[in-house]
Amino acid sequence: MQPALLLLLLAAAFSVASAALDRRLLDDGVQSAISNGRNAPRNRYKYFASMREAANPEDPSCGASLIHESVVLTAAHVRIGAYAFNATATPDTGYQERRVAKIVRHPDYVFQRWTLNKKNNDVALLYLSRPSTYPPIKLAPYKAKAEWSNPVPDWTPVTLIGLGYTVFEKKFPKVLQEVGY
């Protein structure tokens, strides 16, 4: 067999195996993973907020999205009091730090440690003490339930970002990860 053809077949087999692994992760339910992710380019996702424990500020703990200049959307289970929000950002760091002025959790949220209960209402809004100068994520326009339709057609390619486990390392990455599906 010619070397070029062998390499092509190996690449195709790897792609199929990789896709099968990604599909299994999705079919098995919600996973704390950015499977086959790669480091996201610096400043590509300026709306992404990384919360860090006060005792260990070098390691990101939870992620969130800037949805308004003064509001961040995150999971309700995030332990807000455990995170540091008071350091000063410098021009070379590429980030802004803000204090959380107010937390509003979903009224039906019930904390359930480490479960994947999909009806847990695990969502919260964090109101910042002062606005961010970064642009917020663009959200789909609101439609009343009667006129709702899927704003993203089936099989539309999407990019996921986060700080979840990678498949093989089983540790949280220190750099924001992205992966396309």
N, C-alpha and C. Protein backbone atom coordinates (compact mmCIF):
# COMPACT_ATOMS: atom_id res chain seq x y z
N MET A 1 0.85 -1.18 0.00
CA MET A 1 0.00 0.00 0.00
C MET A 1 0.89 1.24 0.00
N GLN A 2 0.54 2.23 -0.75
CA GLN A 2 1.34 3.44 -0.83
C GLN A 2 1.25 4.21 0.49
N PRO A 3 2.37 4.83 0.93
CA PRO A 3 2.38 5.56 2.20
C PRO A 3 1.32 6.65 2.29
N ALA A 4 1.08 7.39 1.21
CA ALA A 4 0.09 8.47 1.24
C ALA A 4 -1.31 7.92 1.48
N LEU A 5 -1.64 6.79 0.83
CA LEU A 5 -2.95 6.18 1.01
C LEU A 5 -3.10 5.64 2.42
N LEU A 6 -2.04 5.03 2.97
CA LEU A 6 -2.07 4.52 4.33
C LEU A 6 -2.31 5.65 5.32
N LEU A 7 -1.62 6.77 5.14
CA LEU A 7 -1.82 7.92 6.02
C LEU A 7 -3.25 8.45 5.92
N LEU A 8 -3.79 8.49 4.72
CA LEU A 8 -5.15 8.96 4.52
C LEU A 8 -6.15 8.05 5.23
N LEU A 9 -5.95 6.72 5.12
CA LEU A 9 -6.84 5.77 5.79
C LEU A 9 -6.73 5.89 7.31
N LEU A 10 -5.52 6.05 7.82
CA LEU A 10 -5.34 6.22 9.27
C LEU A 10 -6.01 7.50 9.75
N ALA A 11 -5.87 8.58 9.00
CA ALA A 11 -6.50 9.85 9.37
C ALA A 11 -8.02 9.71 9.38
N ALA A 12 -8.56 9.01 8.38
CA ALA A 12 -10.01 8.81 8.32
C ALA A 12 -10.49 7.96 9.50
N ALA A 13 -9.75 6.90 9.83
CA ALA A 13 -10.12 6.06 10.97
C ALA A 13 -10.09 6.84 12.27
N PHE A 14 -9.07 7.69 12.44
CA PHE A 14 -8.98 8.51 13.65
C PHE A 14 -10.15 9.48 13.73
N SER A 15 -10.52 10.08 12.61
CA SER A 15 -11.64 11.03 12.59
C SER A 15 -12.94 10.34 12.98
N VAL A 16 -13.17 9.14 12.45
CA VAL A 16 -14.38 8.39 12.77
C VAL A 16 -14.39 8.02 14.25
N ALA A 17 -13.27 7.56 14.79
CA ALA A 17 -13.19 7.20 16.20
C ALA A 17 -13.41 8.42 17.08
N SER A 18 -12.82 9.54 16.70
CA SER A 18 -12.98 10.77 17.45
C SER A 18 -14.44 11.23 17.45
N ALA A 19 -15.09 11.16 16.28
CA ALA A 19 -16.49 11.56 16.18
C ALA A 19 -17.37 10.63 17.01
N ALA A 20 -17.05 9.32 17.01
CA ALA A 20 -17.82 8.37 17.80
C ALA A 20 -17.69 8.67 19.29
N LEU A 21 -16.49 9.03 19.73
CA LEU A 21 -16.28 9.39 21.13
C LEU A 21 -17.07 10.64 21.48
N ASP A 22 -17.02 11.66 20.63
CA ASP A 22 -17.79 12.88 20.86
C ASP A 22 -19.28 12.57 20.92
N ARG A 23 -19.78 11.75 20.00
CA ARG A 23 -21.20 11.40 19.96
C ARG A 23 -21.59 10.65 21.24
N ARG A 24 -20.71 9.72 21.71
CA ARG A 24 -21.00 8.96 22.92
C ARG A 24 -21.10 9.90 24.11
N LEU A 25 -20.20 10.88 24.19
CA LEU A 25 -20.26 11.83 25.29
C LEU A 25 -21.59 12.58 25.28
N LEU A 26 -22.06 12.96 24.10
CA LEU A 26 -23.32 13.67 24.01
C LEU A 26 -24.49 12.74 24.31
N ASP A 27 -24.47 11.51 23.78
CA ASP A 27 -25.57 10.58 23.98
C ASP A 27 -25.68 10.12 25.43
N ASP A 28 -24.57 10.07 26.16
CA ASP A 28 -24.59 9.61 27.54
C ASP A 28 -25.14 10.67 28.49
N GLY A 29 -25.37 11.86 28.04
CA GLY A 29 -25.89 12.92 28.90
C GLY A 29 -24.89 14.04 29.03
N VAL A 30 -25.20 14.96 29.92
CA VAL A 30 -24.35 16.12 30.13
C VAL A 30 -23.02 15.68 30.72
N GLN A 31 -21.94 16.20 30.18
CA GLN A 31 -20.61 15.87 30.66
C GLN A 31 -19.88 17.15 30.99
N SER A 32 -19.01 17.10 31.98
CA SER A 32 -18.15 18.24 32.30
C SER A 32 -16.90 18.10 31.46
N ALA A 33 -17.05 18.34 30.16
CA ALA A 33 -15.92 18.11 29.27
C ALA A 33 -15.99 19.00 28.05
N ILE A 34 -14.83 19.38 27.57
CA ILE A 34 -14.69 19.99 26.25
C ILE A 34 -13.88 18.96 25.47
N SER A 35 -14.58 17.93 24.99
CA SER A 35 -13.95 16.80 24.33
C SER A 35 -13.20 17.25 23.09
N ASN A 36 -11.93 16.88 23.02
CA ASN A 36 -11.07 17.23 21.89
C ASN A 36 -10.96 18.73 21.68
N GLY A 37 -11.09 19.47 22.76
CA GLY A 37 -10.98 20.93 22.68
C GLY A 37 -9.54 21.37 22.47
N ARG A 38 -9.43 22.64 22.15
CA ARG A 38 -8.11 23.23 21.98
C ARG A 38 -8.14 24.60 22.66
N ASN A 39 -6.98 25.13 22.95
CA ASN A 39 -6.91 26.45 23.57
C ASN A 39 -7.58 27.47 22.65
N ALA A 40 -8.49 28.24 23.21
CA ALA A 40 -9.16 29.28 22.43
C ALA A 40 -8.21 30.45 22.23
N PRO A 41 -8.24 31.08 21.06
CA PRO A 41 -7.39 32.25 20.85
C PRO A 41 -7.73 33.35 21.86
N ARG A 42 -6.71 33.99 22.36
CA ARG A 42 -6.88 35.06 23.35
C ARG A 42 -7.80 36.14 22.78
N ASN A 43 -8.72 36.59 23.59
CA ASN A 43 -9.67 37.67 23.28
C ASN A 43 -10.73 37.33 22.24
N ARG A 44 -10.86 36.07 21.83
CA ARG A 44 -11.91 35.71 20.87
C ARG A 44 -13.29 35.75 21.53
N TYR A 45 -13.38 35.31 22.79
CA TYR A 45 -14.66 35.22 23.49
C TYR A 45 -14.66 36.19 24.67
N LYS A 46 -14.71 37.47 24.37
CA LYS A 46 -14.60 38.48 25.42
C LYS A 46 -15.79 38.44 26.38
N TYR A 47 -16.88 37.81 26.00
CA TYR A 47 -18.05 37.71 26.87
C TYR A 47 -17.91 36.59 27.90
N PHE A 48 -16.89 35.75 27.78
CA PHE A 48 -16.71 34.64 28.72
C PHE A 48 -16.12 35.17 30.03
N ALA A 49 -16.74 34.80 31.13
CA ALA A 49 -16.25 35.20 32.45
C ALA A 49 -15.73 33.97 33.17
N SER A 50 -14.57 34.08 33.75
CA SER A 50 -13.96 32.99 34.51
C SER A 50 -13.93 33.38 35.98
N MET A 51 -14.56 32.56 36.82
CA MET A 51 -14.53 32.81 38.26
C MET A 51 -13.47 31.94 38.89
N ARG A 52 -12.76 32.51 39.83
CA ARG A 52 -11.62 31.81 40.43
C ARG A 52 -11.71 31.85 41.95
N GLU A 53 -11.33 30.75 42.59
CA GLU A 53 -11.36 30.69 44.05
C GLU A 53 -10.35 31.65 44.64
N ALA A 54 -10.76 32.32 45.72
CA ALA A 54 -9.88 33.29 46.37
C ALA A 54 -8.59 32.63 46.85
N ALA A 55 -8.68 31.38 47.30
CA ALA A 55 -7.50 30.67 47.81
C ALA A 55 -6.57 30.20 46.70
N ASN A 56 -7.07 30.12 45.47
CA ASN A 56 -6.27 29.61 44.36
C ASN A 56 -6.61 30.37 43.08
N PRO A 57 -6.27 31.66 43.00
CA PRO A 57 -6.72 32.49 41.88
C PRO A 57 -6.11 32.13 40.52
N GLU A 58 -5.08 31.30 40.48
CA GLU A 58 -4.48 30.92 39.20
C GLU A 58 -5.30 29.87 38.45
N ASP A 59 -6.16 29.15 39.17
CA ASP A 59 -6.93 28.08 38.55
C ASP A 59 -8.39 28.49 38.38
N PRO A 60 -8.90 28.51 37.14
CA PRO A 60 -10.31 28.84 36.93
C PRO A 60 -11.20 27.75 37.51
N SER A 61 -12.33 28.16 38.08
CA SER A 61 -13.24 27.21 38.70
C SER A 61 -14.56 27.08 37.97
N CYS A 62 -15.16 28.19 37.63
CA CYS A 62 -16.47 28.17 36.97
C CYS A 62 -16.51 29.20 35.86
N GLY A 63 -17.34 28.95 34.88
CA GLY A 63 -17.48 29.88 33.77
C GLY A 63 -18.83 30.57 33.78
N ALA A 64 -18.92 31.66 33.05
CA ALA A 64 -20.16 32.43 32.94
C ALA A 64 -20.09 33.22 31.64
N SER A 65 -21.23 33.81 31.27
CA SER A 65 -21.29 34.62 30.05
C SER A 65 -21.83 36.00 30.36
N LEU A 66 -21.15 37.00 29.83
CA LEU A 66 -21.61 38.38 29.94
C LEU A 66 -22.78 38.55 28.98
N ILE A 67 -24.00 38.76 29.52
CA ILE A 67 -25.18 38.89 28.66
C ILE A 67 -25.67 40.33 28.57
N HIS A 68 -25.11 41.20 29.36
CA HIS A 68 -25.41 42.64 29.38
C HIS A 68 -24.17 43.27 29.97
N GLU A 69 -23.95 44.53 29.74
CA GLU A 69 -22.72 45.16 30.25
C GLU A 69 -22.56 45.02 31.76
N SER A 70 -23.67 44.79 32.49
CA SER A 70 -23.61 44.68 33.95
C SER A 70 -24.17 43.37 34.49
N VAL A 71 -24.43 42.38 33.62
CA VAL A 71 -25.04 41.13 34.07
C VAL A 71 -24.31 39.94 33.47
N VAL A 72 -24.02 38.96 34.33
CA VAL A 72 -23.37 37.72 33.92
C VAL A 72 -24.31 36.56 34.23
N LEU A 73 -24.43 35.62 33.29
CA LEU A 73 -25.25 34.43 33.45
C LEU A 73 -24.34 33.26 33.80
N THR A 74 -24.70 32.52 34.86
CA THR A 74 -23.89 31.38 35.27
C THR A 74 -24.80 30.33 35.90
N ALA A 75 -24.21 29.29 36.44
CA ALA A 75 -24.96 28.24 37.13
C ALA A 75 -25.26 28.68 38.56
N ALA A 76 -26.44 28.34 39.05
CA ALA A 76 -26.84 28.74 40.40
C ALA A 76 -26.00 28.05 41.48
N HIS A 77 -25.40 26.90 41.17
CA HIS A 77 -24.63 26.18 42.18
C HIS A 77 -23.26 26.81 42.44
N VAL A 78 -22.89 27.81 41.65
CA VAL A 78 -21.59 28.47 41.85
C VAL A 78 -21.55 29.10 43.24
N ARG A 79 -20.47 28.83 43.96
CA ARG A 79 -20.31 29.37 45.32
C ARG A 79 -19.70 30.76 45.22
N ILE A 80 -20.53 31.76 45.05
CA ILE A 80 -20.05 33.11 44.78
C ILE A 80 -19.12 33.61 45.87
N GLY A 81 -19.43 33.36 47.11
CA GLY A 81 -18.60 33.85 48.21
C GLY A 81 -17.20 33.28 48.22
N ALA A 82 -16.97 32.19 47.51
CA ALA A 82 -15.65 31.55 47.50
C ALA A 82 -14.71 32.14 46.47
N TYR A 83 -15.17 33.09 45.70
CA TYR A 83 -14.37 33.60 44.60
C TYR A 83 -13.88 35.02 44.86
N ALA A 84 -12.71 35.30 44.32
CA ALA A 84 -12.11 36.63 44.47
C ALA A 84 -12.53 37.51 43.29
N PHE A 85 -12.98 38.71 43.60
CA PHE A 85 -13.38 39.64 42.55
C PHE A 85 -12.71 41.00 42.74
N ASN A 86 -11.66 41.08 43.56
CA ASN A 86 -11.16 42.40 43.93
C ASN A 86 -9.77 42.74 43.43
N ALA A 87 -9.13 41.90 42.64
CA ALA A 87 -7.81 42.24 42.12
C ALA A 87 -7.94 43.30 41.03
N THR A 88 -6.87 43.96 40.75
CA THR A 88 -6.88 45.01 39.72
C THR A 88 -6.30 44.47 38.43
N ALA A 89 -7.02 44.63 37.35
CA ALA A 89 -6.53 44.19 36.04
C ALA A 89 -5.56 45.22 35.49
N THR A 90 -4.59 44.76 34.74
CA THR A 90 -3.63 45.66 34.10
C THR A 90 -3.79 45.53 32.59
N PRO A 91 -3.32 46.51 31.83
CA PRO A 91 -3.52 46.47 30.37
C PRO A 91 -2.97 45.21 29.70
N ASP A 92 -1.92 44.60 30.24
CA ASP A 92 -1.32 43.44 29.58
C ASP A 92 -2.02 42.12 29.91
N THR A 93 -2.95 42.09 30.87
CA THR A 93 -3.59 40.83 31.25
C THR A 93 -4.72 40.43 30.31
N GLY A 94 -5.34 41.39 29.63
CA GLY A 94 -6.41 41.06 28.70
C GLY A 94 -7.72 40.70 29.37
N TYR A 95 -7.92 41.05 30.61
CA TYR A 95 -9.18 40.77 31.27
C TYR A 95 -9.56 41.94 32.18
N GLN A 96 -10.82 41.92 32.61
CA GLN A 96 -11.33 42.90 33.56
C GLN A 96 -11.82 42.14 34.78
N GLU A 97 -11.69 42.73 35.94
CA GLU A 97 -12.24 42.12 37.15
C GLU A 97 -13.34 43.01 37.70
N ARG A 98 -14.39 42.36 38.16
CA ARG A 98 -15.54 43.07 38.70
C ARG A 98 -16.02 42.37 39.96
N ARG A 99 -16.58 43.14 40.87
CA ARG A 99 -17.24 42.57 42.04
C ARG A 99 -18.69 42.25 41.68
N VAL A 100 -19.23 41.26 42.37
CA VAL A 100 -20.64 40.93 42.19
C VAL A 100 -21.43 41.74 43.22
N ALA A 101 -22.36 42.56 42.75
CA ALA A 101 -23.16 43.40 43.63
C ALA A 101 -24.42 42.68 44.11
N LYS A 102 -24.96 41.80 43.26
CA LYS A 102 -26.22 41.13 43.59
C LYS A 102 -26.28 39.80 42.85
N ILE A 103 -26.85 38.79 43.51
CA ILE A 103 -27.03 37.46 42.91
C ILE A 103 -28.52 37.15 42.88
N VAL A 104 -29.02 36.74 41.73
CA VAL A 104 -30.42 36.32 41.62
C VAL A 104 -30.43 34.91 41.04
N ARG A 105 -30.76 33.94 41.91
CA ARG A 105 -30.87 32.55 41.46
C ARG A 105 -32.31 32.28 41.00
N HIS A 106 -32.48 31.29 40.14
CA HIS A 106 -33.82 30.90 39.71
C HIS A 106 -34.65 30.59 40.95
N PRO A 107 -35.90 31.07 41.03
CA PRO A 107 -36.70 30.86 42.25
C PRO A 107 -36.98 29.39 42.56
N ASP A 108 -36.93 28.52 41.56
CA ASP A 108 -37.18 27.09 41.79
C ASP A 108 -35.90 26.27 41.87
N TYR A 109 -34.76 26.93 42.00
CA TYR A 109 -33.50 26.20 42.09
C TYR A 109 -33.41 25.47 43.43
N VAL A 110 -33.04 24.20 43.36
CA VAL A 110 -32.79 23.40 44.56
C VAL A 110 -31.41 22.81 44.41
N PHE A 111 -30.52 23.12 45.35
CA PHE A 111 -29.15 22.61 45.24
C PHE A 111 -29.15 21.11 45.41
N GLN A 112 -28.53 20.41 44.46
CA GLN A 112 -28.35 18.96 44.54
C GLN A 112 -26.92 18.68 44.16
N ARG A 113 -26.13 18.36 45.14
CA ARG A 113 -24.70 18.18 44.93
C ARG A 113 -24.40 17.10 43.90
N TRP A 114 -23.69 17.53 42.84
CA TRP A 114 -23.13 16.66 41.81
C TRP A 114 -24.14 15.74 41.15
N THR A 115 -25.33 16.25 40.91
CA THR A 115 -26.29 15.46 40.13
C THR A 115 -26.49 16.15 38.79
N LEU A 116 -27.00 15.41 37.86
CA LEU A 116 -27.26 15.96 36.53
C LEU A 116 -28.76 16.07 36.29
N ASN A 117 -29.48 16.47 37.33
CA ASN A 117 -30.92 16.64 37.23
C ASN A 117 -31.21 17.79 36.26
N LYS A 118 -31.76 17.49 35.13
CA LYS A 118 -31.97 18.50 34.09
C LYS A 118 -33.09 19.48 34.44
N LYS A 119 -33.90 19.17 35.45
CA LYS A 119 -34.99 20.06 35.84
C LYS A 119 -34.64 20.79 37.14
N ASN A 120 -33.39 21.03 37.33
CA ASN A 120 -32.90 21.61 38.58
C ASN A 120 -32.91 23.14 38.57
N ASN A 121 -33.19 23.78 37.44
CA ASN A 121 -33.21 25.24 37.34
C ASN A 121 -31.90 25.86 37.82
N ASP A 122 -30.80 25.24 37.44
CA ASP A 122 -29.46 25.64 37.91
C ASP A 122 -28.95 26.83 37.10
N VAL A 123 -29.54 27.99 37.33
CA VAL A 123 -29.18 29.20 36.60
C VAL A 123 -29.26 30.40 37.54
N ALA A 124 -28.34 31.34 37.34
CA ALA A 124 -28.32 32.55 38.17
C ALA A 124 -27.82 33.73 37.36
N LEU A 125 -28.25 34.90 37.75
CA LEU A 125 -27.75 36.16 37.19
C LEU A 125 -26.89 36.83 38.24
N LEU A 126 -25.72 37.29 37.82
CA LEU A 126 -24.83 38.04 38.71
C LEU A 126 -24.81 39.47 38.20
N TYR A 127 -25.24 40.39 39.05
CA TYR A 127 -25.22 41.81 38.69
C TYR A 127 -23.89 42.38 39.15
N LEU A 128 -23.17 42.99 38.24
CA LEU A 128 -21.83 43.50 38.52
C LEU A 128 -21.89 44.87 39.18
N SER A 129 -20.88 45.17 39.99
CA SER A 129 -20.83 46.45 40.69
C SER A 129 -20.62 47.62 39.74
N ARG A 130 -20.00 47.34 38.60
CA ARG A 130 -19.86 48.37 37.56
C ARG A 130 -19.81 47.66 36.21
N PRO A 131 -20.22 48.36 35.16
CA PRO A 131 -20.31 47.72 33.84
C PRO A 131 -18.96 47.28 33.30
N SER A 132 -19.00 46.25 32.49
CA SER A 132 -17.83 45.81 31.74
C SER A 132 -17.77 46.63 30.45
N THR A 133 -16.58 46.83 29.95
CA THR A 133 -16.45 47.51 28.66
C THR A 133 -16.38 46.50 27.51
N TYR A 134 -16.39 45.20 27.84
CA TYR A 134 -16.38 44.17 26.80
C TYR A 134 -17.78 44.00 26.22
N PRO A 135 -17.88 43.58 24.96
CA PRO A 135 -19.20 43.36 24.37
C PRO A 135 -19.83 42.08 24.92
N PRO A 136 -21.14 42.11 25.24
CA PRO A 136 -21.81 40.89 25.71
C PRO A 136 -22.06 39.93 24.55
N ILE A 137 -22.36 38.68 24.89
CA ILE A 137 -22.71 37.69 23.89
C ILE A 137 -24.02 38.10 23.23
N LYS A 138 -24.17 37.79 21.96
CA LYS A 138 -25.41 38.09 21.25
C LYS A 138 -26.39 36.94 21.48
N LEU A 139 -27.53 37.25 22.05
CA LEU A 139 -28.55 36.25 22.35
C LEU A 139 -29.61 36.24 21.26
N ALA A 140 -30.27 35.10 21.10
CA ALA A 140 -31.39 35.01 20.16
C ALA A 140 -32.50 35.92 20.65
N PRO A 141 -33.25 36.55 19.75
CA PRO A 141 -34.34 37.43 20.20
C PRO A 141 -35.43 36.65 20.92
N TYR A 142 -36.04 37.30 21.90
CA TYR A 142 -37.11 36.68 22.67
C TYR A 142 -38.37 36.55 21.83
N LYS A 143 -39.03 35.40 21.94
CA LYS A 143 -40.33 35.21 21.32
C LYS A 143 -41.25 34.58 22.35
N ALA A 144 -42.50 35.00 22.36
CA ALA A 144 -43.48 34.40 23.26
C ALA A 144 -43.60 32.91 22.93
N LYS A 145 -43.95 32.11 23.94
CA LYS A 145 -43.99 30.67 23.76
C LYS A 145 -44.87 30.25 22.57
N ALA A 146 -45.98 30.93 22.35
CA ALA A 146 -46.89 30.56 21.27
C ALA A 146 -46.24 30.70 19.90
N GLU A 147 -45.31 31.64 19.76
CA GLU A 147 -44.67 31.84 18.46
C GLU A 147 -43.24 31.32 18.43
N TRP A 148 -42.85 30.56 19.43
CA TRP A 148 -41.47 30.07 19.54
C TRP A 148 -41.19 29.03 18.47
N SER A 149 -40.03 29.14 17.92
CA SER A 149 -39.51 28.10 17.03
C SER A 149 -38.01 28.01 17.31
N ASN A 150 -37.42 26.94 16.91
CA ASN A 150 -36.00 26.74 17.17
C ASN A 150 -35.20 27.84 16.48
N PRO A 151 -34.51 28.71 17.25
CA PRO A 151 -33.75 29.79 16.62
C PRO A 151 -32.51 29.30 15.87
N VAL A 152 -32.09 28.08 16.16
CA VAL A 152 -30.94 27.50 15.47
C VAL A 152 -31.41 26.22 14.78
N PRO A 153 -31.40 26.18 13.47
CA PRO A 153 -31.86 24.98 12.76
C PRO A 153 -31.06 23.74 13.16
N ASP A 154 -31.71 22.59 13.11
CA ASP A 154 -31.04 21.32 13.41
C ASP A 154 -29.78 21.18 12.56
N TRP A 155 -28.76 20.61 13.15
CA TRP A 155 -27.48 20.30 12.53
C TRP A 155 -26.66 21.54 12.14
N THR A 156 -26.99 22.68 12.72
CA THR A 156 -26.18 23.87 12.51
C THR A 156 -24.87 23.70 13.27
N PRO A 157 -23.72 23.89 12.63
CA PRO A 157 -22.45 23.78 13.36
C PRO A 157 -22.38 24.82 14.48
N VAL A 158 -21.90 24.40 15.63
CA VAL A 158 -21.76 25.30 16.77
C VAL A 158 -20.36 25.16 17.36
N THR A 159 -19.95 26.15 18.11
CA THR A 159 -18.69 26.10 18.84
C THR A 159 -19.02 26.15 20.32
N LEU A 160 -18.47 25.21 21.08
CA LEU A 160 -18.64 25.18 22.53
C LEU A 160 -17.37 25.72 23.16
N ILE A 161 -17.53 26.46 24.25
CA ILE A 161 -16.37 26.94 24.99
C ILE A 161 -16.55 26.62 26.45
N GLY A 162 -15.46 26.47 27.16
CA GLY A 162 -15.56 26.22 28.59
C GLY A 162 -14.24 25.77 29.18
N LEU A 163 -14.34 25.44 30.46
CA LEU A 163 -13.17 25.02 31.23
C LEU A 163 -13.36 23.62 31.80
N GLY A 164 -14.23 22.81 31.17
CA GLY A 164 -14.49 21.46 31.65
C GLY A 164 -13.34 20.52 31.36
N TYR A 165 -13.43 19.33 31.95
CA TYR A 165 -12.41 18.31 31.74
C TYR A 165 -12.18 18.07 30.26
N THR A 166 -10.94 17.76 29.91
CA THR A 166 -10.68 17.24 28.58
C THR A 166 -10.77 15.72 28.72
N VAL A 167 -11.01 15.01 27.64
CA VAL A 167 -11.30 13.58 27.70
C VAL A 167 -10.21 12.77 28.37
N PHE A 168 -8.97 12.95 27.96
CA PHE A 168 -7.92 12.06 28.41
C PHE A 168 -7.21 12.53 29.68
N GLU A 169 -7.16 13.83 29.91
CA GLU A 169 -6.37 14.34 31.02
C GLU A 169 -7.10 14.26 32.36
N LYS A 170 -8.41 14.35 32.37
CA LYS A 170 -9.22 14.34 33.59
C LYS A 170 -8.76 15.40 34.59
N LYS A 171 -8.43 16.56 34.07
CA LYS A 171 -8.13 17.71 34.92
C LYS A 171 -8.65 18.94 34.20
N PHE A 172 -8.94 19.96 34.97
CA PHE A 172 -9.46 21.18 34.37
C PHE A 172 -8.34 21.93 33.68
N PRO A 173 -8.58 22.43 32.47
CA PRO A 173 -7.56 23.22 31.79
C PRO A 173 -7.46 24.61 32.42
N LYS A 174 -6.31 25.23 32.30
CA LYS A 174 -6.12 26.58 32.82
C LYS A 174 -6.42 27.63 31.76
N VAL A 175 -6.57 27.20 30.51
CA VAL A 175 -6.85 28.10 29.39
C VAL A 175 -8.23 27.74 28.84
N LEU A 176 -9.01 28.75 28.49
CA LEU A 176 -10.33 28.53 27.90
C LEU A 176 -10.20 27.60 26.69
N GLN A 177 -11.10 26.61 26.63
CA GLN A 177 -11.10 25.64 25.54
C GLN A 177 -12.25 25.93 24.58
N GLU A 178 -12.05 25.57 23.31
CA GLU A 178 -13.12 25.66 22.32
C GLU A 178 -13.12 24.38 21.51
N VAL A 179 -14.30 24.00 21.03
CA VAL A 179 -14.42 22.83 20.16
C VAL A 179 -15.63 23.05 19.26
N GLY A 180 -15.50 22.69 18.00
CA GLY A 180 -16.60 22.82 17.06
C GLY A 180 -17.34 21.51 16.89
N TYR A 181 -18.65 21.57 16.81
CA TYR A 181 -19.49 20.40 16.55
C TYR A 181 -20.39 20.70 15.38
